[in-house]
Protein backbone atom coordinates (compact mmCIF):
# COMPACT_ATOMS: atom_id res chain seq x y z
CA MET A 1 -164.06 -28.06 186.67
CA MET A 2 -160.93 -26.01 185.71
CA ILE A 3 -159.34 -27.39 188.67
CA ILE A 4 -160.08 -30.45 187.74
CA TYR A 5 -158.76 -30.41 184.18
CA ILE A 6 -155.49 -28.87 185.03
CA GLN A 7 -155.15 -31.56 187.44
CA GLY A 8 -155.63 -34.03 184.77
CA LEU A 9 -153.47 -32.41 182.92
CA SER A 10 -150.61 -32.41 185.50
CA LYS A 11 -151.20 -36.13 186.37
CA MET A 12 -150.38 -36.86 182.21
CA LEU A 13 -147.26 -34.55 182.08
CA ASP A 14 -146.28 -36.30 184.90
CA THR A 15 -146.93 -39.89 183.54
CA LEU A 16 -144.92 -38.90 179.68
CA LYS A 17 -142.01 -37.26 182.12
CA ASN A 18 -141.61 -40.89 183.59
CA THR A 19 -142.08 -42.94 180.36
CA LYS A 20 -139.43 -40.88 178.85
CA ARG A 21 -137.15 -41.27 181.37
CA LYS A 22 -137.69 -45.09 181.74
CA TRP A 23 -137.37 -44.80 177.35
CA ILE A 24 -133.94 -43.02 177.93
CA SER A 25 -132.64 -45.75 180.45
CA ALA A 26 -133.86 -48.38 178.36
CA THR A 27 -131.76 -46.88 175.38
CA LEU A 28 -129.32 -46.47 177.54
CA MET A 29 -129.02 -49.58 178.60
CA LYS A 30 -129.16 -51.30 174.92
CA LYS A 31 -126.06 -49.19 173.93
CA GLN A 32 -124.14 -49.80 177.25
CA THR A 33 -124.74 -53.90 176.71
CA LYS A 34 -123.87 -53.46 172.98
CA PHE A 35 -120.82 -51.22 173.73
CA ASN A 36 -119.42 -53.56 176.16
CA ARG A 37 -120.13 -56.85 173.83
CA GLY A 38 -117.84 -55.41 171.28
CA ILE A 39 -115.09 -54.64 173.14
CA ARG A 40 -115.32 -57.71 175.18
CA LYS A 41 -114.89 -59.40 171.16
CA LEU A 42 -111.52 -57.61 171.15
CA GLY A 43 -110.27 -59.74 173.79
CA LEU A 44 -108.04 -59.21 175.85
CA THR A 45 -104.07 -57.49 175.98
CA PRO A 46 -101.48 -59.59 177.18
CA ASP A 47 -101.46 -58.80 180.94
CA GLY A 48 -105.11 -59.52 180.93
CA LEU A 49 -106.88 -55.99 180.89
CA SER A 50 -109.37 -55.09 178.39
CA TYR A 51 -108.86 -52.44 175.64
CA LEU A 52 -111.14 -50.54 177.94
CA ASP A 53 -109.62 -51.20 181.09
CA GLN A 54 -105.78 -50.04 179.19
CA PHE A 55 -107.80 -47.26 177.45
CA ARG A 56 -108.76 -45.95 180.95
CA ILE A 57 -105.17 -46.34 182.37
CA LEU A 58 -103.52 -44.25 179.35
CA ILE A 59 -106.25 -41.32 179.70
CA THR A 60 -105.45 -41.38 183.91
CA HIS A 61 -101.69 -41.17 182.89
CA ILE A 62 -102.11 -38.49 180.53
CA GLY A 63 -104.36 -36.51 183.03
CA ASN A 64 -101.39 -37.07 186.03
CA ALA A 65 -98.63 -36.26 183.69
CA MET A 66 -101.15 -32.63 183.11
CA GLY A 67 -101.80 -32.41 186.35
CA TYR A 68 -97.89 -32.66 187.26
CA ILE A 69 -97.49 -29.85 184.64
CA ARG A 70 -99.67 -27.78 185.85
CA MET A 71 -98.14 -28.15 189.44
CA ILE A 72 -94.98 -27.59 188.44
CA ARG A 73 -95.84 -24.70 186.77
CA SER A 74 -97.60 -22.99 189.64
CA GLY A 75 -94.28 -23.85 191.47
CA GLY A 76 -92.29 -22.03 188.96
CA ILE A 77 -94.40 -18.87 188.84
CA HIS A 78 -94.81 -18.93 192.81
CA ALA A 79 -91.21 -18.97 192.71
CA CYS A 80 -90.58 -16.32 190.05
CA ALA A 81 -93.17 -13.53 191.56
CA ASN A 82 -91.56 -14.20 195.02
CA ALA A 83 -87.81 -13.44 193.42
CA ILE A 84 -89.54 -10.52 191.07
CA ARG A 85 -91.36 -8.97 193.65
CA PHE A 86 -88.43 -6.69 194.84
CA VAL A 87 -88.25 -5.00 191.61
CA PRO A 88 -90.50 -1.72 191.42
CA ASP A 89 -91.78 -1.64 187.91
CA LEU A 90 -91.61 -4.55 185.65
CA ASP A 91 -92.31 -2.37 182.39
CA ASP A 92 -89.21 -0.15 182.87
CA ILE A 93 -86.60 -1.79 183.73
CA VAL A 94 -83.23 0.35 184.14
CA ASN A 95 -80.09 -1.39 182.29
CA LEU A 96 -77.53 -0.67 185.03
CA GLU A 97 -75.13 -2.33 183.26
CA GLU A 98 -75.18 1.02 181.08
CA LEU A 99 -75.49 3.04 184.22
CA THR A 100 -72.40 1.51 185.82
CA LYS A 101 -70.34 2.45 182.54
CA GLU A 102 -71.24 5.97 182.27
CA GLU A 103 -70.43 6.40 186.00
CA GLY A 104 -67.30 4.84 185.36
CA LEU A 105 -67.02 2.35 188.32
CA PRO A 106 -64.67 -0.51 188.29
CA ALA A 107 -64.74 -3.52 185.85
CA ASP A 108 -65.97 -6.28 188.96
CA THR A 109 -69.47 -3.65 189.49
CA ILE A 110 -69.55 -3.68 185.93
CA GLU A 111 -69.68 -7.45 185.51
CA ALA A 112 -72.20 -7.48 188.67
CA ALA A 113 -74.76 -5.37 187.12
CA ALA A 114 -74.33 -7.05 183.90
CA LEU A 115 -75.13 -10.08 185.66
CA LEU A 116 -78.44 -8.60 187.45
CA ASP A 117 -79.45 -7.26 184.01
CA SER A 118 -79.56 -10.97 182.73
CA VAL A 119 -81.45 -12.37 185.79
CA LEU A 120 -84.04 -9.45 185.93
CA GLU A 121 -84.23 -10.17 182.62
CA ASN A 122 -84.95 -13.87 182.47
CA LEU A 123 -87.23 -13.55 185.63
CA THR A 124 -89.34 -10.97 183.86
CA LYS A 125 -89.26 -12.79 180.66
CA ASN A 126 -89.91 -16.41 182.61
CA PHE A 127 -93.03 -14.48 185.01
CA ALA A 128 -94.35 -13.25 181.39
CA GLU A 129 -94.20 -16.50 179.71
CA GLY A 130 -95.34 -18.44 183.08
CA THR A 131 -98.66 -18.61 181.61
CA ALA A 132 -98.75 -20.15 178.35
CA TYR A 133 -97.70 -23.63 179.56
CA PHE A 134 -100.24 -25.07 177.58
CA LYS A 135 -99.34 -23.30 174.13
CA MET A 136 -95.92 -24.62 174.96
CA LEU A 137 -97.12 -28.19 175.36
CA VAL A 138 -98.93 -27.85 172.06
CA ASP A 139 -96.02 -27.00 170.67
CA VAL A 140 -93.64 -30.07 171.65
CA PHE A 141 -95.73 -32.57 170.72
CA THR A 142 -96.89 -30.99 167.44
CA LYS A 143 -94.13 -33.17 166.12
CA SER A 144 -94.91 -36.30 167.47
CA PHE A 145 -99.00 -35.73 166.59
CA ARG A 146 -97.72 -35.12 162.89
CA ASP A 147 -95.55 -38.13 162.59
CA PRO A 148 -97.01 -40.98 160.00
CA LYS A 149 -96.58 -43.48 162.56
CA ASN A 150 -99.40 -41.56 164.99
CA GLN A 151 -101.85 -40.76 162.50
CA HIS A 152 -104.37 -43.03 165.11
CA LEU A 153 -104.22 -40.19 167.48
CA LYS A 154 -105.57 -38.41 165.16
CA GLU A 155 -108.57 -39.91 165.64
CA LEU A 156 -108.60 -39.33 168.93
CA LEU A 157 -108.06 -35.84 168.94
CA HIS A 158 -110.00 -35.19 165.99
CA ASP A 159 -111.55 -32.38 167.80
CA TYR A 160 -108.63 -30.21 168.30
CA SER A 161 -107.87 -28.88 164.54
CA SER A 162 -105.02 -27.21 166.01
CA PHE A 163 -103.12 -30.47 166.56
């Protein structure tokens, strides 16, 4: 008796799940149809594309640009890592210019030490800042996003309050 009752409940549960799936599919289809009609009402761009197609192209370009930036950043970090791997301790880099002056070495040696200090400082700075590329992008584009003529972009990015 109990087994028949459980089987009946199981069938009811399966029926409810199928009904829910069908209802969700029908609701989504109605929403998609309504959205597509609204896009068609907007018309076409001068190139013959719908505005949804134009938006897809824009999003693709943005994604490609971000991918390119990440690739360049990765290559830069790789180059810095290869160049800086010969420095034994990045936290305690000795100032070679001062050491050569203290030892009384020739001016050419002091100048070469100063150049090496400059290169090491630059490499250390670039290696440390290499991970903050997204922040740099935000800093670069913040002025454009805040320009009154680009207010429409705030609607697109309304979830990102840092812009």
